[in-house]
Amino acid sequence: MAQLFVPLAGAFQKAAGSGFNTYGENLDRPHWQGCEIGFCNTFPDVLGAVSEAEFHDWIIGVHHPLFLEKGPPWTRFLHPDAGARAEALNVAATAAVAAHHLGARYILYHYPWPYLQVPGIDYRKDGWYFTEPQAELLEDWPEAKMYDVSRRIFERLAEVQAKESIRIVFEIDGPNPYFFDGEMYTRLFEEFPDLSLCVDTGRLSFLARTHGQDPLALAKRWLPWTRHLHLSAARWDENGKVTNHIPVAPTDMAAEVAKMVAAAQPRAIIVMEHDPRKVSPEELERTHEWVTALAKGVQ
């Protein structure tokens, strides 16, 4: 059966068993089997989150960065400077070793990142919010270069995974035409099948909209390696305004993706990465009931 995880982020310097995470999600639900710790404000917040996990006897996963420091929050794997790319990869490898020593079963990185700016496309119209003001230019990243750089990253982190016995997970990000119009994920994962992909269903909605793709078809491409799911919904209103991180309803596209992943990967880890405040208490309970049934294989 699939495993249900809850995210622990932000400020967590409080007594273990205090009941709620930063987003207001109830941590006492019996179906939680683990937590994904990341984006904590400080290292003491990390220690508080680990204490919370130990209190509940949870499995621990890490969302890189574990805690926030100066600079961009996500590893700049696609930096234009080769030396800076090498340093970013060293930081990622070191973080995996540190996560292993923390007791984590896996560590997750956003990839590909930063996104590629395609000439003539205004990503803001789809509601994208980027954590860095500067994109990489498509003209500076021909396909052969993107593949070569990506392959080095996958190869290095596959070595870390084997040595440290910690699962390496790449979470979908972009936009990037090589990965979402093309088949670069497939090409890389076929070479490194022991590495894992995380489909963030909210971001999948953005990527499919931006790239003019069907989200279910995109997700289906990657099922052999999708062992992780960040589950939430994104919805656009009639004026094009988007709301993200909504708890998933059974009728959402995200629910269809979750069904596909759970069927293909019965031991998938599903992180319920939603904001519980964006729906009514009754709707939130229906979300938890539906996802719990899915994890048990009764959907």
Protein backbone atom coordinates (compact mmCIF):
# COMPACT_ATOMS: atom_id res chain seq x y z
CA MET A 1 0.00 0.00 0.00
CA ALA A 2 1.06 3.59 -0.56
CA GLN A 3 2.45 5.57 2.35
CA LEU A 4 1.00 8.94 3.40
CA PHE A 5 3.40 11.66 4.51
CA VAL A 6 2.83 15.11 5.98
CA PRO A 7 5.19 18.07 5.29
CA LEU A 8 7.04 19.70 8.19
CA ALA A 9 8.47 23.11 7.29
CA GLY A 10 9.02 26.61 8.59
CA ALA A 11 9.16 27.18 12.34
CA PHE A 12 9.19 24.00 14.40
CA GLN A 13 10.82 24.86 17.70
CA LYS A 14 8.01 23.52 19.83
CA ALA A 15 7.28 20.51 21.95
CA ALA A 16 6.94 17.26 20.04
CA GLY A 17 3.34 16.12 19.80
CA SER A 18 2.07 19.70 19.66
CA GLY A 19 -0.55 18.70 17.10
CA PHE A 20 -0.18 20.81 13.93
CA ASN A 21 2.36 21.76 11.29
CA THR A 22 3.03 25.25 9.91
CA TYR A 23 0.09 24.99 7.51
CA GLY A 24 -2.35 24.01 10.25
CA GLU A 25 -2.52 20.35 9.26
CA ASN A 26 -3.44 17.97 12.08
CA LEU A 27 -0.44 15.73 12.84
CA ASP A 28 -2.43 13.29 14.99
CA ARG A 29 -4.21 11.59 12.11
CA PRO A 30 -3.64 7.83 12.33
CA HIS A 31 -2.88 7.39 8.64
CA TRP A 32 0.36 9.41 8.66
CA GLN A 33 3.30 7.08 8.22
CA GLY A 34 6.02 9.64 7.71
CA CYS A 35 6.96 13.26 7.21
CA GLU A 36 8.93 15.24 4.64
CA ILE A 37 11.12 17.82 6.37
CA GLY A 38 12.42 20.83 4.45
CA PHE A 39 12.38 24.59 4.14
CA CYS A 40 12.70 24.92 7.90
CA ASN A 41 13.63 28.41 9.03
CA THR A 42 16.71 27.37 11.02
CA PHE A 43 18.61 24.24 11.98
CA PRO A 44 16.97 24.21 15.44
CA ASP A 45 13.64 24.02 13.57
CA VAL A 46 14.98 20.93 11.80
CA LEU A 47 15.76 19.35 15.16
CA GLY A 48 12.23 20.19 16.33
CA ALA A 49 10.76 18.53 13.23
CA VAL A 50 12.90 15.42 13.79
CA SER A 51 11.67 15.29 17.37
CA GLU A 52 8.10 15.47 16.08
CA ALA A 53 8.82 12.56 13.73
CA GLU A 54 10.34 10.51 16.54
CA PHE A 55 7.34 11.24 18.77
CA HIS A 56 5.03 9.74 16.12
CA ASP A 57 7.47 6.98 15.09
CA TRP A 58 7.45 8.29 11.51
CA ILE A 59 9.67 7.61 8.53
CA ILE A 60 11.65 10.74 7.61
CA GLY A 61 12.24 12.19 4.16
CA VAL A 62 14.04 15.43 3.33
CA HIS A 63 13.03 18.14 0.89
CA HIS A 64 16.22 20.00 -0.06
CA PRO A 65 17.07 22.51 1.32
CA LEU A 66 16.53 21.15 4.80
CA PHE A 67 16.66 24.66 6.23
CA LEU A 68 16.89 28.08 4.63
CA GLU A 69 20.14 29.99 4.35
CA LYS A 70 21.21 33.01 2.32
CA GLY A 71 20.65 32.69 -1.40
CA PRO A 72 18.05 30.93 -3.56
CA PRO A 73 16.17 28.14 -1.81
CA TRP A 74 16.53 25.63 -4.66
CA THR A 75 19.81 24.24 -5.96
CA ARG A 76 20.85 26.02 -9.14
CA PHE A 77 21.83 22.91 -11.07
CA LEU A 78 21.56 24.75 -14.42
CA HIS A 79 23.84 27.67 -13.62
CA PRO A 80 25.46 29.20 -16.73
CA ASP A 81 28.92 28.88 -15.16
CA ALA A 82 30.41 25.39 -15.12
CA GLY A 83 32.21 26.01 -11.81
CA ALA A 84 28.97 27.15 -10.18
CA ARG A 85 27.19 24.06 -11.52
CA ALA A 86 29.88 21.85 -10.02
CA GLU A 87 29.51 23.61 -6.68
CA ALA A 88 25.72 23.20 -6.78
CA LEU A 89 26.14 19.49 -7.41
CA ASN A 90 28.62 19.23 -4.53
CA VAL A 91 26.11 20.96 -2.25
CA ALA A 92 23.41 18.49 -3.33
CA ALA A 93 25.68 15.49 -2.72
CA THR A 94 26.74 16.80 0.69
CA ALA A 95 23.10 17.42 1.60
CA ALA A 96 22.27 13.79 0.77
CA VAL A 97 25.01 12.56 3.11
CA ALA A 98 23.75 14.88 5.86
CA ALA A 99 20.17 13.69 5.34
CA HIS A 100 21.30 10.09 5.62
CA HIS A 101 22.99 10.86 8.95
CA LEU A 102 19.76 12.54 10.08
CA GLY A 103 17.98 9.24 9.51
CA ALA A 104 16.15 10.19 6.31
CA ARG A 105 15.11 7.49 3.85
CA TYR A 106 15.22 9.88 0.90
CA ILE A 107 16.17 13.39 -0.20
CA LEU A 108 14.33 15.32 -2.89
CA TYR A 109 15.62 18.04 -5.22
CA HIS A 110 13.78 20.20 -7.77
CA TYR A 111 14.95 19.38 -11.31
CA PRO A 112 15.30 20.85 -13.88
CA TRP A 113 16.01 24.19 -12.24
CA PRO A 114 16.21 27.09 -13.01
CA TYR A 115 13.55 27.20 -15.67
CA LEU A 116 14.27 28.04 -19.31
CA GLN A 117 12.89 31.24 -20.77
CA VAL A 118 11.49 30.50 -24.22
CA PRO A 119 11.37 33.64 -26.43
CA GLY A 120 7.92 35.17 -26.72
CA ILE A 121 6.35 33.30 -23.79
CA ASP A 122 5.06 35.19 -20.75
CA TYR A 123 4.89 32.63 -17.96
CA ARG A 124 3.07 35.05 -15.68
CA LYS A 125 -0.14 34.60 -17.68
CA ASP A 126 -0.36 31.04 -16.35
CA GLY A 127 0.18 32.19 -12.77
CA TRP A 128 3.77 31.02 -12.36
CA TYR A 129 5.57 32.30 -9.31
CA PHE A 130 9.31 31.84 -9.43
CA THR A 131 11.67 32.11 -6.48
CA GLU A 132 14.41 33.63 -8.63
CA PRO A 133 14.03 36.63 -10.92
CA GLN A 134 16.53 35.34 -13.49
CA ALA A 135 15.75 32.43 -15.78
CA GLU A 136 18.18 30.61 -18.00
CA LEU A 137 17.83 31.47 -21.68
CA LEU A 138 16.86 28.69 -24.04
CA GLU A 139 19.40 29.90 -26.59
CA ASP A 140 22.21 29.21 -24.10
CA TRP A 141 21.06 25.64 -23.52
CA PRO A 142 21.00 23.53 -26.68
CA GLU A 143 19.59 20.06 -26.18
CA ALA A 144 22.99 18.33 -26.24
CA LYS A 145 24.28 20.58 -23.46
CA MET A 146 21.12 20.10 -21.38
CA TYR A 147 21.47 16.33 -21.67
CA ASP A 148 25.20 16.32 -20.87
CA VAL A 149 24.78 18.50 -17.78
CA SER A 150 21.73 16.54 -16.62
CA ARG A 151 23.45 13.20 -17.11
CA ARG A 152 26.39 14.31 -14.95
CA ILE A 153 23.95 15.28 -12.18
CA PHE A 154 22.06 11.99 -12.38
CA GLU A 155 25.27 9.98 -12.49
CA ARG A 156 26.84 11.73 -9.48
CA LEU A 157 23.72 11.47 -7.35
CA ALA A 158 23.18 7.84 -8.36
CA GLU A 159 26.65 7.18 -6.93
CA VAL A 160 25.68 8.97 -3.71
CA GLN A 161 22.47 6.93 -3.50
CA ALA A 162 24.39 3.67 -3.80
CA LYS A 163 27.06 4.68 -1.30
CA GLU A 164 24.83 6.27 1.33
CA SER A 165 21.75 4.04 0.96
CA ILE A 166 19.48 7.07 0.69
CA ARG A 167 16.95 7.35 -2.13
CA ILE A 168 17.54 10.27 -4.51
CA VAL A 169 14.33 11.87 -5.81
CA PHE A 170 13.93 14.56 -8.47
CA GLU A 171 10.76 16.65 -8.29
CA ILE A 172 9.37 17.97 -11.57
CA ASP A 173 10.06 21.63 -12.21
CA GLY A 174 10.45 24.01 -15.10
CA PRO A 175 9.19 25.16 -17.55
CA ASN A 176 11.68 23.40 -19.81
CA PRO A 177 10.85 22.25 -23.36
CA TYR A 178 13.37 19.39 -23.32
CA PHE A 179 11.64 17.71 -20.38
CA PHE A 180 7.99 18.52 -21.04
CA ASP A 181 7.73 18.86 -24.82
CA GLY A 182 10.52 16.34 -25.26
CA GLU A 183 11.48 13.12 -23.51
CA MET A 184 14.57 14.03 -21.50
CA TYR A 185 13.20 12.64 -18.22
CA THR A 186 12.60 9.32 -19.96
CA ARG A 187 16.06 9.31 -21.50
CA LEU A 188 17.74 10.01 -18.16
CA PHE A 189 15.67 7.63 -16.03
CA GLU A 190 16.13 4.82 -18.53
CA GLU A 191 19.86 5.22 -17.93
CA PHE A 192 19.46 5.58 -14.16
CA PRO A 193 16.30 3.61 -13.31
CA ASP A 194 17.10 3.33 -9.60
CA LEU A 195 16.69 7.09 -9.20
CA SER A 196 13.15 8.32 -8.53
CA LEU A 197 10.80 11.03 -9.76
CA CYS A 198 8.32 13.02 -7.71
CA VAL A 199 5.29 14.36 -9.55
CA ASP A 200 3.94 17.47 -7.88
CA THR A 201 0.35 17.46 -9.12
CA GLY A 202 -0.12 21.19 -8.62
CA ARG A 203 3.02 22.02 -10.59
CA LEU A 204 2.06 19.42 -13.19
CA SER A 205 -1.04 21.53 -13.85
CA PHE A 206 1.14 24.60 -14.45
CA LEU A 207 3.61 22.74 -16.67
CA ALA A 208 0.89 21.12 -18.77
CA ARG A 209 -0.87 24.46 -19.23
CA THR A 210 2.34 26.28 -20.18
CA HIS A 211 3.60 23.58 -22.55
CA GLY A 212 0.21 22.84 -24.10
CA GLN A 213 0.31 19.23 -22.90
CA ASP A 214 -2.24 16.92 -21.35
CA PRO A 215 -1.29 16.48 -17.67
CA LEU A 216 -2.42 12.85 -17.50
CA ALA A 217 -0.41 11.99 -20.61
CA LEU A 218 2.66 13.67 -19.10
CA ALA A 219 2.29 11.75 -15.85
CA LYS A 220 1.78 8.48 -17.71
CA ARG A 221 5.15 8.89 -19.43
CA TRP A 222 7.01 8.77 -16.14
CA LEU A 223 5.13 6.07 -14.22
CA PRO A 224 8.04 3.57 -14.15
CA TRP A 225 10.08 6.00 -12.01
CA THR A 226 7.37 7.98 -10.17
CA ARG A 227 7.75 6.60 -6.67
CA HIS A 228 6.81 9.89 -4.97
CA LEU A 229 3.84 12.23 -5.27
CA HIS A 230 3.28 15.73 -3.90
CA LEU A 231 -0.49 15.86 -3.84
CA SER A 232 -2.49 19.08 -4.14
CA ALA A 233 -4.69 20.75 -6.73
CA ALA A 234 -4.32 23.96 -8.73
CA ARG A 235 -7.40 25.67 -10.15
CA TRP A 236 -7.83 28.70 -12.40
CA ASP A 237 -10.93 30.90 -12.27
CA GLU A 238 -12.66 32.48 -15.27
CA ASN A 239 -10.29 35.46 -15.09
CA GLY A 240 -7.19 33.30 -15.20
CA LYS A 241 -6.32 33.73 -11.53
CA VAL A 242 -4.85 30.58 -10.03
CA THR A 243 -5.17 29.10 -6.56
CA ASN A 244 -2.60 26.43 -5.71
CA HIS A 245 -2.05 23.89 -2.92
CA ILE A 246 -5.76 23.09 -2.60
CA PRO A 247 -6.67 19.80 -0.89
CA VAL A 248 -7.52 17.33 -3.65
CA ALA A 249 -11.12 16.36 -4.39
CA PRO A 250 -11.83 12.98 -6.06
CA THR A 251 -12.94 14.82 -9.21
CA ASP A 252 -9.67 16.76 -9.62
CA MET A 253 -7.10 15.91 -12.27
CA ALA A 254 -4.66 15.41 -9.38
CA ALA A 255 -6.81 12.55 -8.13
CA GLU A 256 -6.53 10.79 -11.49
CA VAL A 257 -2.75 11.16 -11.39
CA ALA A 258 -2.69 9.79 -7.86
CA LYS A 259 -4.72 6.74 -8.94
CA MET A 260 -2.29 6.06 -11.80
CA VAL A 261 0.76 6.37 -9.57
CA ALA A 262 -0.69 4.23 -6.78
CA ALA A 263 -1.58 1.51 -9.29
CA ALA A 264 1.86 1.55 -10.92
CA GLN A 265 3.83 1.98 -7.69
CA PRO A 266 2.00 0.29 -4.77
CA ARG A 267 4.69 1.49 -2.31
CA ALA A 268 4.63 5.09 -3.51
CA ILE A 269 5.09 7.87 -0.97
CA ILE A 270 2.28 10.43 -1.17
CA VAL A 271 3.00 13.74 0.55
CA MET A 272 -0.25 15.63 1.14
CA GLU A 273 1.28 18.99 0.29
CA HIS A 274 -1.85 21.08 0.61
CA ASP A 275 -3.00 24.09 2.60
CA PRO A 276 -5.91 22.81 4.73
CA ARG A 277 -7.22 26.35 5.13
CA LYS A 278 -8.22 26.56 1.46
CA VAL A 279 -11.29 24.34 1.85
CA SER A 280 -13.99 23.84 4.44
CA PRO A 281 -13.39 21.38 7.31
CA GLU A 282 -15.90 19.02 5.71
CA GLU A 283 -14.10 19.11 2.35
CA LEU A 284 -10.77 18.55 4.09
CA GLU A 285 -12.12 15.46 5.82
CA ARG A 286 -13.38 14.12 2.49
CA THR A 287 -9.90 14.64 1.04
CA HIS A 288 -8.32 12.64 3.85
CA GLU A 289 -10.91 9.88 3.60
CA TRP A 290 -10.41 9.57 -0.16
CA VAL A 291 -6.59 9.58 -0.03
CA THR A 292 -6.54 7.09 2.85
CA ALA A 293 -8.73 4.72 0.81
CA LEU A 294 -6.45 5.22 -2.19
CA ALA A 295 -3.36 4.39 -0.13
CA LYS A 296 -5.03 1.19 1.08
CA GLY A 297 -5.86 0.18 -2.47
CA VAL A 298 -9.62 0.35 -2.13
CA GLN A 299 -10.23 3.14 -4.64
